[in-house]
N, C-alpha and C. Protein backbone atom coordinates (compact mmCIF):
# COMPACT_ATOMS: atom_id res chain seq x y z
N MET A 1 1.77 21.18 14.07
CA MET A 1 2.34 19.94 13.88
C MET A 1 1.29 18.90 14.76
N LYS A 2 0.99 17.88 13.74
CA LYS A 2 0.57 16.57 13.94
C LYS A 2 1.19 15.24 14.25
N LYS A 3 1.12 14.37 15.22
CA LYS A 3 1.84 13.41 15.25
C LYS A 3 0.25 12.12 14.80
N ILE A 4 0.74 11.32 13.99
CA ILE A 4 -0.31 10.39 13.76
C ILE A 4 0.30 8.84 13.98
N ASP A 5 -0.25 8.43 14.98
CA ASP A 5 0.47 7.06 15.34
C ASP A 5 -1.22 5.94 14.79
N ALA A 6 -0.54 4.81 13.86
CA ALA A 6 -1.46 3.94 12.95
C ALA A 6 -1.10 2.43 13.54
N ILE A 7 -1.56 1.94 13.95
CA ILE A 7 -1.49 0.57 14.58
C ILE A 7 -2.49 -0.35 13.12
N ILE A 8 -1.66 -1.06 12.45
CA ILE A 8 -2.12 -1.85 11.23
C ILE A 8 -1.87 -3.48 11.03
N ARG A 9 -2.18 -3.84 10.29
CA ARG A 9 -1.91 -5.23 9.94
C ARG A 9 -0.47 -5.42 9.35
N PRO A 10 0.25 -6.06 9.79
CA PRO A 10 1.79 -6.22 9.27
C PRO A 10 1.67 -6.36 7.66
N GLU A 11 0.90 -7.07 7.00
CA GLU A 11 0.78 -7.01 5.44
C GLU A 11 0.26 -5.93 4.90
N LYS A 12 -0.18 -4.74 5.67
CA LYS A 12 -0.44 -3.68 5.02
C LYS A 12 0.50 -2.83 5.03
N LEU A 13 1.62 -2.73 5.64
CA LEU A 13 2.80 -1.75 5.75
C LEU A 13 3.25 -1.33 4.44
N ASP A 14 3.44 -2.17 3.69
CA ASP A 14 4.02 -1.94 2.19
C ASP A 14 3.13 -1.07 1.60
N ARG A 15 1.65 -1.42 1.35
CA ARG A 15 0.68 -0.24 0.86
C ARG A 15 0.67 0.73 1.29
N VAL A 16 0.50 0.95 2.61
CA VAL A 16 0.69 2.21 3.51
C VAL A 16 2.10 3.08 3.29
N SER A 17 3.05 2.41 3.37
CA SER A 17 4.01 3.13 3.14
C SER A 17 4.53 3.70 2.05
N ASP A 18 4.31 3.05 0.88
CA ASP A 18 4.29 3.20 -0.49
C ASP A 18 3.49 4.52 -1.15
N ALA A 19 2.35 4.65 -0.44
CA ALA A 19 1.04 5.31 -0.49
C ALA A 19 1.52 6.67 0.19
N LEU A 20 1.86 6.51 1.05
CA LEU A 20 2.51 7.99 1.67
C LEU A 20 3.73 8.40 1.24
N ASN A 21 4.55 7.41 0.55
CA ASN A 21 5.89 7.89 0.00
C ASN A 21 5.37 8.91 -1.49
N GLU A 22 4.65 8.31 -2.08
CA GLU A 22 4.06 8.67 -3.48
C GLU A 22 3.67 10.27 -3.15
N LYS A 23 3.04 10.31 -2.06
CA LYS A 23 2.53 11.83 -1.81
C LYS A 23 3.35 12.84 -1.09
N GLY A 24 4.65 12.46 -0.98
CA GLY A 24 5.87 13.00 -0.32
C GLY A 24 6.11 12.94 0.99
N HIS A 25 5.23 12.14 1.82
CA HIS A 25 5.32 11.85 3.46
C HIS A 25 6.32 10.75 3.46
N TYR A 26 7.50 11.04 3.63
CA TYR A 26 8.65 9.78 3.41
C TYR A 26 8.95 9.64 5.17
N ALA A 27 9.27 10.53 5.78
CA ALA A 27 9.69 10.20 7.36
C ALA A 27 8.82 9.44 8.14
N MET A 28 8.90 8.24 8.29
CA MET A 28 8.42 7.57 9.62
C MET A 28 9.43 7.03 10.30
N THR A 29 8.30 6.36 11.73
CA THR A 29 9.08 5.61 12.60
C THR A 29 8.39 4.40 12.52
N VAL A 30 8.64 3.05 12.38
CA VAL A 30 7.69 1.57 12.20
C VAL A 30 8.37 0.83 13.23
N SER A 31 7.49 0.10 13.85
CA SER A 31 7.71 -0.74 15.09
C SER A 31 7.02 -1.99 15.10
N ASP A 32 7.28 -2.96 15.62
CA ASP A 32 6.55 -4.22 16.03
C ASP A 32 6.11 -3.97 17.13
N VAL A 33 4.66 -4.29 17.25
CA VAL A 33 3.87 -4.11 18.65
C VAL A 33 2.73 -5.49 18.37
N HIS A 34 2.45 -5.57 19.43
CA HIS A 34 1.33 -6.74 20.06
C HIS A 34 0.18 -6.02 20.67
N GLY A 35 -1.04 -6.50 20.13
CA GLY A 35 -2.27 -5.99 20.99
C GLY A 35 -3.38 -6.49 20.91
N ARG A 36 -4.25 -6.18 21.38
CA ARG A 36 -5.61 -6.52 20.85
C ARG A 36 -6.88 -5.38 21.11
N GLY A 37 -7.97 -5.53 20.45
CA GLY A 37 -8.91 -4.51 20.70
C GLY A 37 -10.48 -5.33 20.57
N GLU A 38 -11.13 -4.93 19.70
CA GLU A 38 -12.38 -5.56 19.66
C GLU A 38 -12.11 -6.94 18.67
N GLN A 39 -10.97 -7.15 18.44
CA GLN A 39 -10.74 -8.52 17.95
C GLN A 39 -10.69 -9.70 18.74
N ARG A 40 -10.07 -9.35 20.21
CA ARG A 40 -9.85 -9.87 21.43
C ARG A 40 -9.02 -11.17 21.08
N GLY A 41 -8.01 -11.15 20.28
CA GLY A 41 -7.18 -12.44 19.94
C GLY A 41 -7.71 -13.59 19.03
N ILE A 42 -7.21 -14.39 18.53
CA ILE A 42 -7.29 -15.55 17.62
C ILE A 42 -6.89 -16.63 18.10
N ARG A 43 -7.90 -17.70 17.51
CA ARG A 43 -7.81 -18.96 17.85
C ARG A 43 -6.85 -19.73 16.82
N LEU A 44 -5.85 -20.52 17.07
CA LEU A 44 -5.19 -21.27 16.20
C LEU A 44 -5.02 -22.62 16.35
N GLN A 45 -5.02 -23.28 15.45
CA GLN A 45 -4.46 -24.80 15.78
C GLN A 45 -3.13 -25.20 15.52
N PHE A 46 -2.61 -25.55 16.80
CA PHE A 46 -1.20 -26.13 16.89
C PHE A 46 -0.77 -27.32 17.55
N ARG A 47 -0.16 -28.30 16.52
CA ARG A 47 0.07 -29.49 16.81
C ARG A 47 -1.13 -30.25 17.63
N GLY A 48 -2.46 -30.07 16.46
CA GLY A 48 -3.55 -30.55 16.92
C GLY A 48 -4.61 -30.30 17.88
N LYS A 49 -3.87 -29.20 18.65
CA LYS A 49 -4.87 -28.34 19.51
C LYS A 49 -5.15 -26.90 19.11
N GLU A 50 -6.32 -26.50 20.06
CA GLU A 50 -6.70 -25.03 19.70
C GLU A 50 -6.13 -24.41 20.78
N VAL A 51 -5.28 -23.22 20.12
CA VAL A 51 -4.77 -22.64 21.12
C VAL A 51 -5.28 -20.83 21.19
N MET A 52 -5.54 -20.46 21.91
CA MET A 52 -5.79 -18.96 22.11
C MET A 52 -4.86 -17.95 22.18
N VAL A 53 -4.54 -17.13 21.14
CA VAL A 53 -3.42 -15.81 20.92
C VAL A 53 -4.31 -14.80 21.59
N ASP A 54 -3.55 -13.97 22.66
CA ASP A 54 -4.35 -12.90 23.20
C ASP A 54 -4.04 -11.77 22.46
N LEU A 55 -2.46 -11.67 22.24
CA LEU A 55 -1.96 -10.45 21.63
C LEU A 55 -1.53 -10.73 20.24
N ILE A 56 -2.22 -9.77 19.31
CA ILE A 56 -1.80 -9.93 18.13
C ILE A 56 -0.52 -9.15 17.44
N PRO A 57 0.34 -9.71 16.62
CA PRO A 57 1.26 -9.06 15.95
C PRO A 57 0.52 -7.81 15.03
N LYS A 58 1.05 -6.74 15.18
CA LYS A 58 0.71 -5.18 14.55
C LYS A 58 2.11 -4.78 13.89
N ILE A 59 1.87 -3.35 13.28
CA ILE A 59 2.80 -2.59 13.15
C ILE A 59 2.02 -1.45 13.73
N LYS A 60 3.06 -0.43 14.35
CA LYS A 60 2.94 0.94 14.88
C LYS A 60 3.66 1.88 13.65
N VAL A 61 2.80 2.52 12.94
CA VAL A 61 3.77 3.74 12.27
C VAL A 61 3.22 4.89 12.72
N GLU A 62 4.34 5.62 12.65
CA GLU A 62 4.61 7.09 13.54
C GLU A 62 5.04 7.98 12.72
N ILE A 63 4.26 9.19 12.51
CA ILE A 63 4.47 10.11 11.16
C ILE A 63 4.23 11.62 11.93
N VAL A 64 5.05 12.53 11.89
CA VAL A 64 5.00 13.66 12.03
C VAL A 64 4.43 14.47 11.11
N VAL A 65 3.67 15.19 10.84
CA VAL A 65 3.51 16.15 9.46
C VAL A 65 2.97 17.49 10.02
N ASP A 66 2.81 18.50 8.69
CA ASP A 66 2.29 19.70 9.57
C ASP A 66 0.79 19.59 9.44
N ALA A 67 -0.06 20.06 10.33
CA ALA A 67 -1.20 20.23 10.52
C ALA A 67 -2.18 20.28 9.41
N ALA A 68 -1.54 20.86 8.40
CA ALA A 68 -2.49 20.88 7.10
C ALA A 68 -2.46 19.79 6.28
N ASP A 69 -1.53 18.68 6.18
CA ASP A 69 -1.33 17.47 5.79
C ASP A 69 -1.91 16.25 6.38
N ALA A 70 -2.49 16.49 7.97
CA ALA A 70 -2.64 15.58 8.93
C ALA A 70 -4.07 14.55 8.20
N GLU A 71 -5.18 15.35 7.68
CA GLU A 71 -6.21 14.50 7.21
C GLU A 71 -6.00 13.73 6.02
N GLU A 72 -5.06 14.24 4.93
CA GLU A 72 -4.28 13.64 4.07
C GLU A 72 -3.67 12.36 4.22
N VAL A 73 -3.24 12.24 5.21
CA VAL A 73 -2.10 11.31 5.87
C VAL A 73 -3.39 10.13 6.50
N VAL A 74 -4.04 10.63 7.35
CA VAL A 74 -4.90 9.88 7.69
C VAL A 74 -5.82 8.86 6.61
N ALA A 75 -6.24 9.56 5.87
CA ALA A 75 -7.10 9.23 4.69
C ALA A 75 -6.35 8.33 3.93
N ILE A 76 -4.82 8.32 3.71
CA ILE A 76 -4.37 7.49 2.81
C ILE A 76 -4.14 6.10 3.76
N ILE A 77 -3.81 6.26 4.97
CA ILE A 77 -3.66 4.90 5.86
C ILE A 77 -4.85 4.16 5.97
N LYS A 78 -6.02 5.11 6.20
CA LYS A 78 -7.32 4.28 6.18
C LYS A 78 -7.56 3.46 5.12
N ASP A 79 -7.16 3.94 3.67
CA ASP A 79 -7.55 3.61 2.15
C ASP A 79 -6.47 2.75 2.16
N LYS A 80 -5.37 2.52 2.31
CA LYS A 80 -4.53 1.41 2.33
C LYS A 80 -4.23 0.13 3.31
N ALA A 81 -4.96 0.33 4.61
CA ALA A 81 -4.92 -0.39 5.68
C ALA A 81 -6.10 -1.27 5.84
N TYR A 82 -7.20 -0.73 5.14
CA TYR A 82 -8.48 -1.25 5.40
C TYR A 82 -8.71 -2.70 4.65
N THR A 83 -9.32 -3.36 5.55
CA THR A 83 -9.87 -4.85 4.68
C THR A 83 -11.13 -5.05 4.99
N GLY A 84 -11.78 -4.09 6.50
CA GLY A 84 -13.31 -4.39 6.38
C GLY A 84 -13.59 -5.43 7.59
N GLU A 85 -12.57 -6.08 8.17
CA GLU A 85 -12.38 -7.02 8.99
C GLU A 85 -12.05 -6.27 10.51
N ASN A 86 -12.73 -7.17 11.55
CA ASN A 86 -12.00 -6.64 13.08
C ASN A 86 -10.24 -7.25 12.50
N GLY A 87 -10.01 -5.86 13.53
CA GLY A 87 -8.47 -6.26 13.61
C GLY A 87 -7.72 -5.43 12.64
N ASP A 88 -8.54 -4.48 11.60
CA ASP A 88 -7.65 -3.75 10.96
C ASP A 88 -6.90 -2.50 11.48
N GLY A 89 -7.29 -2.22 12.51
CA GLY A 89 -6.18 -1.25 13.59
C GLY A 89 -6.72 -0.08 14.18
N ARG A 90 -6.35 0.98 14.45
CA ARG A 90 -6.81 2.09 14.86
C ARG A 90 -5.62 3.33 14.19
N ILE A 91 -6.40 4.40 14.38
CA ILE A 91 -5.45 5.81 14.07
C ILE A 91 -5.54 6.70 15.18
N PHE A 92 -4.58 6.99 15.49
CA PHE A 92 -4.47 8.06 16.57
C PHE A 92 -3.86 9.30 16.43
N VAL A 93 -4.37 10.75 16.42
CA VAL A 93 -3.96 12.06 16.10
C VAL A 93 -3.54 13.11 17.09
N TYR A 94 -2.57 13.45 17.25
CA TYR A 94 -2.21 14.23 18.49
C TYR A 94 -1.57 15.40 18.12
N ASP A 95 -1.82 16.59 18.50
CA ASP A 95 -1.00 17.66 18.51
C ASP A 95 0.29 17.61 19.13
N ILE A 96 1.12 18.14 18.46
CA ILE A 96 2.68 18.21 18.65
C ILE A 96 3.09 19.75 19.07
N ASP A 97 3.94 20.04 20.11
CA ASP A 97 3.72 21.62 20.34
C ASP A 97 5.38 21.84 19.66
N LYS A 98 6.37 21.15 19.68
CA LYS A 98 7.73 21.16 19.11
C LYS A 98 8.31 20.08 19.01
N SER A 99 8.91 20.07 17.95
CA SER A 99 10.05 19.27 17.62
C SER A 99 11.53 19.46 17.39
N ILE A 100 12.52 18.97 18.01
CA ILE A 100 13.80 19.14 18.24
C ILE A 100 14.27 18.31 17.49
N GLN A 101 15.41 18.79 16.45
CA GLN A 101 16.33 17.63 15.72
C GLN A 101 17.42 17.65 16.95
N ILE A 102 17.89 16.30 17.04
CA ILE A 102 18.85 16.00 17.57
C ILE A 102 20.66 16.84 17.15
N ARG A 103 20.63 16.63 15.94
CA ARG A 103 21.97 17.11 15.41
C ARG A 103 22.02 18.29 14.94
N ALA A 104 20.63 19.15 15.13
CA ALA A 104 20.81 20.51 14.77
C ALA A 104 21.27 21.29 16.38
N GLU A 105 22.38 22.70 15.96
CA GLU A 105 22.84 23.37 16.99
C GLU A 105 22.05 24.10 17.53
């Protein structure tokens, strides 16, 4: 099994989620997160003054899939989250040794 963590723009969540659903990848965890990378924050105008916002709002999508499906999921996320601009996000892929369902005996 593989765990895929994708940090994406909030406005791309619906496109990513819909595309994953279409391919049968329904289970996911979605969290609001804040961070910065190469984008290094953004400058905004607030009440006539320029303000630097260091931590940018993002969405973290976590999904665990069979190893054979990992590349497909990564490709879907890359395609649907892409804008070509700094701040598009990052995808991390991890090996999962075991998954235990809490309600199972």
